[in-house]
Amino acid sequence: EGLHYAGVALALNVIVKERLWRQPPVVSQAAVPFVNFMWTDFEEPNGFKPIPAYKGKEGSSVSPIQVVVVQPSRECWRIVCTFKSEVYTKDQVERFVGYLEESLRCLIEAPLSPTL
């Protein structure tokens, strides 16, 4: 609460970079959202070059909603969202997508604006 868009992005970066997340209990995995960041280190240490492969397996979660951020190339990021149709209506999914689009737009165009 009280952060601006750039602050939220920075806080999320710290959580991911420092691995400050925790795994949900096995018995409740089907009841909580699943968020996964799949990035690639594109440096070439000792002459080895990473070759990322986008396999499209992001949609196989037991969670009611799954958000996966994929980095298929150095300059490209993708957000893949999967919703369980028995949990979320089409209107709820469209509302989520609208909020996500608005948040990304604000992060790019007005990063110091307060979040809602």
Foldseek 3Di string as FASTA:
>chain_A
DFAFLVRVVVVVVCCVVVVVDDDDDPVCQLEDEAEEEAEDDQDQPPNRGDQDDDDPPQAPGSHQKYWYWHDNDPPDIDIDIYGDCVVDPPVRVVVVVVVVVVSVCCCVPPRRDHDD
